[in-house]
């Protein structure tokens, strides 16, 4: 069974096939310990595996085993961090995962950074078109209110290599203090990534994809703060079937639409910005009306970016910033501007002969 990263993203239900945080390809860099400060650990990446983009909001990292000199993927290992439910223990989480995957729980053989751990073994299976890879092995540990899953997906032929890669990750594990996402807004991803065949965009490497229905012309990435247990910064990209945003009257009309749709407490103005030969507009910051919040609490800050893609289509980029101290809020406002400057239309696809 042969499949590429794009095919894997679709088959696993991933919201976006993001590029890797660092695609330098430098062998020395790949052999060095890699830190994931907003997730609270560091590991030695598996030798011979290639880091690929994450597939969900809780994914710290993913690596793929590929055929030599190709992007054909044979197996994937990943590290995922999930909140424990109230009263749930590590053993409870492992039992639930084993039930879901058809596996069995065993001792892990070694602690994960000094913390207790358990392993889940799943009998390898042959690939099918609908399921080219399946869970074969995972090591789970817990720290604070979170469970950390080091897992592997593979067909039977790649299962031994996958088990070895997972064991290598869990034996090299070192804990570190959790950092807030605002401390790591640089660097951006290794390269911009395309959306909807209409545009490309780049974002900070710490942002992760969130599940949305991309068939509706929207995509979302964000930064989850594991110290605060909340989303600190979200970026939503939507495609609007409207043109003419170069005209001030059109922008003023849609300013009212955005203000009403987003429940903003005050009006905003459009600020023009220009880069990569593309004209864009970014709204001044505005807060959500507290009366429009379903659960009360501090109001988030919103900025809206608009980028004309062609005569009939506009990209809407909505930045949502959680309530934060002024210096933190300012850092997110600045990175919102930097993200919008990366948005550019893709050239139209060539017409079929």
Protein backbone atom coordinates (compact mmCIF):
# COMPACT_ATOMS: atom_id res chain seq x y z
CA UNK A 1 0.00 0.00 0.00
CA UNK A 2 1.50 3.32 -1.11
CA UNK A 3 0.30 6.74 0.00
CA UNK A 4 1.70 10.25 0.32
CA UNK A 5 1.44 12.85 3.09
CA UNK A 6 -1.57 14.48 1.45
CA UNK A 7 -3.31 11.14 1.18
CA UNK A 8 -2.46 10.36 4.79
CA UNK A 9 -3.95 13.67 5.95
CA UNK A 10 -7.21 12.91 4.17
CA UNK A 11 -7.41 9.30 5.34
CA UNK A 12 -6.73 10.21 8.98
CA UNK A 13 -9.27 13.01 8.97
CA UNK A 14 -6.68 15.71 9.63
CA UNK A 15 -7.89 19.26 9.24
CA UNK A 16 -4.76 20.51 7.46
CA UNK A 17 -1.62 18.95 6.01
CA UNK A 18 0.75 21.57 7.44
CA UNK A 19 4.38 21.71 6.36
CA UNK A 20 6.94 20.61 8.94
CA UNK A 21 8.12 23.28 11.39
CA UNK A 22 11.68 22.87 10.03
CA UNK A 23 12.37 21.34 6.63
CA UNK A 24 16.09 22.07 6.58
CA UNK A 25 16.92 18.39 6.05
CA UNK A 26 20.15 18.81 8.01
CA UNK A 27 21.16 15.42 9.43
CA UNK A 28 22.95 16.94 12.45
CA UNK A 29 19.85 19.00 13.30
CA UNK A 30 17.65 15.90 13.10
CA UNK A 31 19.94 13.98 15.47
CA UNK A 32 19.90 16.74 18.10
CA UNK A 33 17.45 16.81 20.98
CA UNK A 34 14.29 18.69 20.03
CA UNK A 35 12.33 20.71 22.59
CA UNK A 36 8.59 21.30 22.56
CA UNK A 37 8.40 24.06 25.19
CA UNK A 38 4.69 24.79 24.94
CA UNK A 39 4.04 21.07 25.57
CA UNK A 40 6.63 20.71 28.35
CA UNK A 41 9.16 18.11 27.09
CA UNK A 42 12.08 17.36 24.77
CA UNK A 43 13.02 14.16 22.90
CA UNK A 44 15.54 12.76 20.47
CA UNK A 45 13.74 12.44 17.09
CA UNK A 46 13.71 8.91 15.66
CA UNK A 47 16.69 8.32 13.36
CA UNK A 48 15.74 7.80 9.73
CA UNK A 49 12.27 9.33 10.17
CA UNK A 50 11.19 12.68 8.68
CA UNK A 51 9.30 15.25 10.70
CA UNK A 52 5.97 16.17 9.11
CA UNK A 53 3.23 18.64 9.97
CA UNK A 54 0.95 17.99 12.90
CA UNK A 55 -2.54 16.63 12.34
CA UNK A 56 -4.52 18.19 15.18
CA UNK A 57 -4.59 20.77 17.97
CA UNK A 58 -3.07 18.43 20.58
CA UNK A 59 -0.27 17.06 18.41
CA UNK A 60 3.16 18.10 19.64
CA UNK A 61 4.92 16.39 16.71
CA UNK A 62 4.71 13.71 14.03
CA UNK A 63 7.40 11.84 12.12
CA UNK A 64 7.01 9.66 9.03
CA UNK A 65 8.97 6.67 7.79
CA UNK A 66 9.21 7.02 4.02
CA UNK A 67 10.53 5.01 1.13
CA UNK A 68 14.03 6.01 0.06
CA UNK A 69 14.12 9.15 -2.12
CA UNK A 70 10.34 9.53 -2.19
CA UNK A 71 7.44 10.93 -0.18
CA UNK A 72 5.68 7.55 0.01
CA UNK A 73 4.87 7.06 3.69
CA UNK A 74 5.26 3.66 5.32
CA UNK A 75 4.40 4.56 8.94
CA UNK A 76 3.84 7.49 11.31
CA UNK A 77 4.76 8.09 14.95
CA UNK A 78 3.31 10.97 16.94
CA UNK A 79 3.22 12.66 20.33
CA UNK A 80 -0.16 13.93 21.51
CA UNK A 81 -1.17 15.71 24.72
CA UNK A 82 -4.75 15.46 25.97
CA UNK A 83 -6.49 16.64 29.14
CA UNK A 84 -7.47 14.00 31.65
CA UNK A 85 -11.15 14.04 32.50
CA UNK A 86 -12.08 14.90 36.06
CA UNK A 87 -11.16 11.96 38.27
CA UNK A 88 -9.53 10.05 35.39
CA UNK A 89 -6.20 8.32 36.06
CA UNK A 90 -3.45 7.16 33.72
CA UNK A 91 -4.77 3.62 34.01
CA UNK A 92 -8.27 4.82 33.11
CA UNK A 93 -6.99 6.67 30.04
CA UNK A 94 -4.98 3.63 28.90
CA UNK A 95 -7.94 1.31 29.34
CA UNK A 96 -10.16 3.63 27.29
CA UNK A 97 -7.58 3.85 24.49
CA UNK A 98 -7.02 0.09 24.47
CA UNK A 99 -10.75 -0.46 24.14
CA UNK A 100 -10.95 2.04 21.29
CA UNK A 101 -8.01 0.55 19.36
CA UNK A 102 -8.60 -3.12 20.15
CA UNK A 103 -5.32 -3.31 22.04
CA UNK A 104 -4.15 -4.60 25.41
CA UNK A 105 -2.43 -2.72 28.24
CA UNK A 106 1.03 -3.82 29.44
CA UNK A 107 3.83 -2.37 31.60
CA UNK A 108 5.88 0.14 29.58
CA UNK A 109 9.21 -1.36 30.58
CA UNK A 110 10.67 2.03 31.45
CA UNK A 111 9.39 5.27 32.91
CA UNK A 112 8.89 8.35 30.75
CA UNK A 113 11.20 11.00 32.14
CA UNK A 114 10.82 9.50 35.59
CA UNK A 115 7.01 9.35 35.44
CA UNK A 116 5.02 6.11 35.54
CA UNK A 117 4.00 4.80 32.13
CA UNK A 118 1.95 2.05 30.50
CA UNK A 119 2.03 0.59 27.00
CA UNK A 120 -0.73 -0.44 24.62
CA UNK A 121 -0.03 -3.20 22.11
CA UNK A 122 -2.31 -3.69 19.11
CA UNK A 123 -2.01 -6.67 16.77
CA UNK A 124 -0.68 -5.37 13.42
CA UNK A 125 -2.98 -5.68 10.44
CA UNK A 126 -2.55 -5.64 6.69
CA UNK A 127 -3.33 -2.31 5.00
CA UNK A 128 -6.51 -1.59 3.09
CA UNK A 129 -7.38 1.36 0.81
CA UNK A 130 -9.62 2.75 3.56
CA UNK A 131 -7.06 2.16 6.32
CA UNK A 132 -3.46 2.10 5.05
CA UNK A 133 -2.11 2.55 8.58
CA UNK A 134 -3.56 1.55 11.95
CA UNK A 135 -2.51 1.85 15.61
CA UNK A 136 0.13 -0.73 16.54
CA UNK A 137 1.76 0.57 19.73
CA UNK A 138 1.61 3.45 22.20
CA UNK A 139 3.23 4.49 25.46
CA UNK A 140 1.20 6.68 27.80
CA UNK A 141 2.29 8.77 30.76
CA UNK A 142 0.65 11.54 32.76
CA UNK A 143 1.79 14.79 34.30
CA UNK A 144 -0.45 17.29 35.96
CA UNK A 145 -3.91 17.33 34.33
CA UNK A 146 -2.66 15.88 31.02
CA UNK A 147 -1.95 12.47 29.51
CA UNK A 148 0.92 12.25 27.01
CA UNK A 149 0.58 9.67 24.23
CA UNK A 150 3.60 8.49 22.22
CA UNK A 151 2.01 6.40 19.51
CA UNK A 152 2.63 4.67 16.21
CA UNK A 153 0.49 3.96 13.13
CA UNK A 154 1.66 1.38 10.62
CA UNK A 155 0.71 -1.61 8.49
CA UNK A 156 2.04 -4.99 9.61
CA UNK A 157 5.18 -4.75 7.46
CA UNK A 158 6.33 -1.52 9.17
CA UNK A 159 5.20 -2.39 12.70
CA UNK A 160 8.65 -3.44 14.08
CA UNK A 161 10.27 -0.17 12.95
CA UNK A 162 7.36 1.79 14.39
CA UNK A 163 7.55 0.09 17.80
CA UNK A 164 11.30 0.80 17.91
CA UNK A 165 10.71 4.48 17.05
CA UNK A 166 8.08 4.89 19.78
CA UNK A 167 10.36 3.21 22.35
CA UNK A 168 13.22 5.48 21.30
CA UNK A 169 11.08 8.56 21.86
CA UNK A 170 9.84 7.48 25.27
CA UNK A 171 13.31 6.43 26.50
CA UNK A 172 14.86 9.75 25.39
CA UNK A 173 12.11 11.82 27.02
CA UNK A 174 13.01 14.73 29.30
CA UNK A 175 10.51 16.96 31.04
CA UNK A 176 10.90 20.73 31.03
CA UNK A 177 8.89 23.65 32.34
CA UNK A 178 5.82 24.50 30.32
CA UNK A 179 6.05 27.77 28.41
CA UNK A 180 3.18 29.97 27.29
CA UNK A 181 2.70 30.14 23.49
CA UNK A 182 3.38 33.90 23.48
CA UNK A 183 7.02 33.12 24.29
CA UNK A 184 7.43 31.21 21.00
CA UNK A 185 5.73 33.18 18.21
CA UNK A 186 8.91 32.85 16.12
CA UNK A 187 9.90 31.12 13.93
CA UNK A 188 7.17 30.64 11.33
CA UNK A 189 6.66 27.34 9.45
CA UNK A 190 9.37 26.24 7.05
CA UNK A 191 7.24 27.37 4.10
CA UNK A 192 3.77 28.79 3.36
CA UNK A 193 1.02 26.24 2.79
CA UNK A 194 -1.83 26.37 0.24
CA UNK A 195 -5.52 26.53 1.11
CA UNK A 196 -8.52 25.75 -1.09
CA UNK A 197 -6.42 26.06 -4.26
CA UNK A 198 -6.83 29.85 -3.93
CA UNK A 199 -4.20 31.18 -1.54
CA UNK A 200 -1.11 30.43 0.51
CA UNK A 201 -0.42 31.50 4.08
CA UNK A 202 2.23 31.00 6.74
CA UNK A 203 1.90 30.94 10.53
CA UNK A 204 4.12 30.52 13.60
CA UNK A 205 5.43 26.96 13.96
CA UNK A 206 3.74 26.50 17.35
CA UNK A 207 0.25 26.90 15.87
CA UNK A 208 -1.62 23.64 15.30
CA UNK A 209 -4.54 22.80 12.97
CA UNK A 210 -8.04 22.64 14.45
CA UNK A 211 -10.82 20.49 12.96
CA UNK A 212 -13.30 22.33 10.73
CA UNK A 213 -15.35 21.38 7.71
CA UNK A 214 -12.99 22.54 4.96
CA UNK A 215 -15.62 21.76 2.34
CA UNK A 216 -17.32 24.94 3.55
CA UNK A 217 -14.24 26.98 2.62
CA UNK A 218 -12.73 27.50 6.07
CA UNK A 219 -9.64 26.42 7.98
CA UNK A 220 -8.37 27.13 11.49
CA UNK A 221 -5.08 27.00 13.38
CA UNK A 222 -4.39 28.04 16.94
CA UNK A 223 -2.20 27.98 20.03
CA UNK A 224 -3.39 26.13 23.13
CA UNK A 225 -1.95 27.29 26.43
CA UNK A 226 -1.38 24.22 28.63
CA UNK A 227 -0.55 26.46 31.60
CA UNK A 228 -3.95 28.16 31.47
CA UNK A 229 -5.92 25.32 29.90
CA UNK A 230 -7.35 27.45 27.09
CA UNK A 231 -6.86 28.61 23.52
CA UNK A 232 -4.77 31.80 23.60
CA UNK A 233 -4.67 32.65 19.89
CA UNK A 234 -6.81 31.41 17.00
CA UNK A 235 -6.57 32.11 13.27
CA UNK A 236 -9.54 31.32 11.05
CA UNK A 237 -9.35 31.59 7.25
CA UNK A 238 -12.58 31.72 5.28
CA UNK A 239 -13.34 32.21 1.61
CA UNK A 240 -16.08 34.74 0.80
CA UNK A 241 -17.65 34.78 -2.68
CA UNK A 242 -17.44 38.58 -2.86
CA UNK A 243 -15.20 40.93 -4.79
CA UNK A 244 -14.58 44.64 -4.95
CA UNK A 245 -12.91 44.92 -1.56
CA UNK A 246 -10.45 47.36 -3.11
CA UNK A 247 -13.27 49.94 -2.91
CA UNK A 248 -13.73 51.72 0.40
CA UNK A 249 -17.53 51.54 0.26
CA UNK A 250 -17.38 47.73 -0.01
CA UNK A 251 -15.04 47.52 2.98
CA UNK A 252 -17.31 49.80 5.02
CA UNK A 253 -20.32 47.64 4.17
CA UNK A 254 -18.60 44.47 5.30
CA UNK A 255 -17.24 46.15 8.41
CA UNK A 256 -20.83 46.29 9.67
CA UNK A 257 -21.41 42.68 8.65
CA UNK A 258 -18.31 41.52 10.54
CA UNK A 259 -19.15 43.58 13.62
CA UNK A 260 -22.62 42.07 13.80
CA UNK A 261 -21.54 38.51 13.02
CA UNK A 262 -18.68 38.55 15.55
CA UNK A 263 -20.65 40.41 18.23
CA UNK A 264 -18.15 43.23 18.58
CA UNK A 265 -18.66 45.83 21.31
CA UNK A 266 -17.26 48.71 19.25
CA UNK A 267 -16.67 49.68 15.64
CA UNK A 268 -13.27 49.25 14.02
CA UNK A 269 -11.47 50.86 11.12
CA UNK A 270 -9.52 49.28 8.27
CA UNK A 271 -5.75 49.75 8.12
CA UNK A 272 -4.13 49.11 4.71
CA UNK A 273 -1.00 46.97 4.46
CA UNK A 274 0.96 45.92 1.40
CA UNK A 275 3.54 43.16 0.84
CA UNK A 276 4.41 40.53 -1.76
CA UNK A 277 2.75 42.82 -4.30
CA UNK A 278 -0.66 42.21 -2.69
CA UNK A 279 -2.98 44.82 -1.15
CA UNK A 280 -4.57 43.86 2.17
CA UNK A 281 -6.55 45.47 4.96
CA UNK A 282 -6.48 44.66 8.68
CA UNK A 283 -9.00 45.93 11.18
CA UNK A 284 -8.04 47.76 14.33
CA UNK A 285 -8.50 45.60 17.46
CA UNK A 286 -12.05 45.33 18.83
CA UNK A 287 -13.46 43.41 21.78
CA UNK A 288 -16.42 41.07 21.72
CA UNK A 289 -19.47 42.40 23.54
CA UNK A 290 -19.54 40.60 26.95
CA UNK A 291 -23.31 40.24 26.60
CA UNK A 292 -22.76 38.13 23.46
CA UNK A 293 -20.54 35.59 25.24
CA UNK A 294 -22.41 32.35 26.02
CA UNK A 295 -20.53 31.69 29.27
CA UNK A 296 -19.53 35.18 30.40
CA UNK A 297 -15.92 35.83 31.39
CA UNK A 298 -13.35 38.21 29.88
CA UNK A 299 -13.99 39.35 26.32
CA UNK A 300 -11.59 38.20 23.59
CA UNK A 301 -10.08 40.68 21.16
CA UNK A 302 -10.78 40.32 17.44
CA UNK A 303 -8.94 41.50 14.33
CA UNK A 304 -10.22 40.85 10.81
CA UNK A 305 -8.00 40.78 7.73
CA UNK A 306 -9.25 40.90 4.14
CA UNK A 307 -7.22 39.91 1.09
CA UNK A 308 -8.74 40.11 -2.42
CA UNK A 309 -7.88 36.90 -4.27
CA UNK A 310 -9.53 37.64 -7.60
CA UNK A 311 -12.40 39.70 -9.00
CA UNK A 312 -15.02 37.52 -7.29
CA UNK A 313 -13.35 36.05 -4.19
CA UNK A 314 -11.92 37.43 -0.95
CA UNK A 315 -10.02 35.73 1.87
CA UNK A 316 -11.23 36.65 5.36
CA UNK A 317 -8.69 36.05 8.12
CA UNK A 318 -10.11 36.35 11.63
CA UNK A 319 -7.71 36.56 14.58
CA UNK A 320 -9.12 35.82 18.04
CA UNK A 321 -6.99 36.73 21.06
CA UNK A 322 -7.91 35.60 24.57
CA UNK A 323 -7.88 38.13 27.39
CA UNK A 324 -4.25 38.70 28.43
CA UNK A 325 -1.89 41.26 30.00
CA UNK A 326 -1.14 44.26 27.71
CA UNK A 327 2.37 43.14 26.70
CA UNK A 328 1.12 39.65 25.76
CA UNK A 329 -1.84 41.05 23.85
CA UNK A 330 0.50 43.36 21.94
CA UNK A 331 2.72 40.43 20.92
CA UNK A 332 -0.29 38.59 19.48
CA UNK A 333 -1.52 41.72 17.69
CA UNK A 334 1.87 42.06 16.04
CA UNK A 335 2.02 38.43 14.96
CA UNK A 336 -1.48 38.80 13.47
CA UNK A 337 -0.08 41.53 11.23
CA UNK A 338 2.88 39.32 10.29
CA UNK A 339 0.58 36.41 9.40
CA UNK A 340 -1.65 38.57 7.21
CA UNK A 341 1.40 39.81 5.30
CA UNK A 342 2.11 36.20 4.23
CA UNK A 343 -1.31 35.72 2.59
CA UNK A 344 -1.15 35.84 -1.19
CA UNK A 345 -3.34 34.53 -4.02
CA UNK A 346 -2.28 31.42 -5.87
CA UNK A 347 -2.06 31.73 -9.64
CA UNK A 348 -5.12 30.31 -11.41
CA UNK A 349 -4.87 26.69 -12.44
CA UNK A 350 -4.14 26.18 -16.15
CA UNK A 351 -7.22 25.46 -18.21
CA UNK A 352 -7.74 21.93 -19.51
CA UNK A 353 -6.93 21.64 -23.23
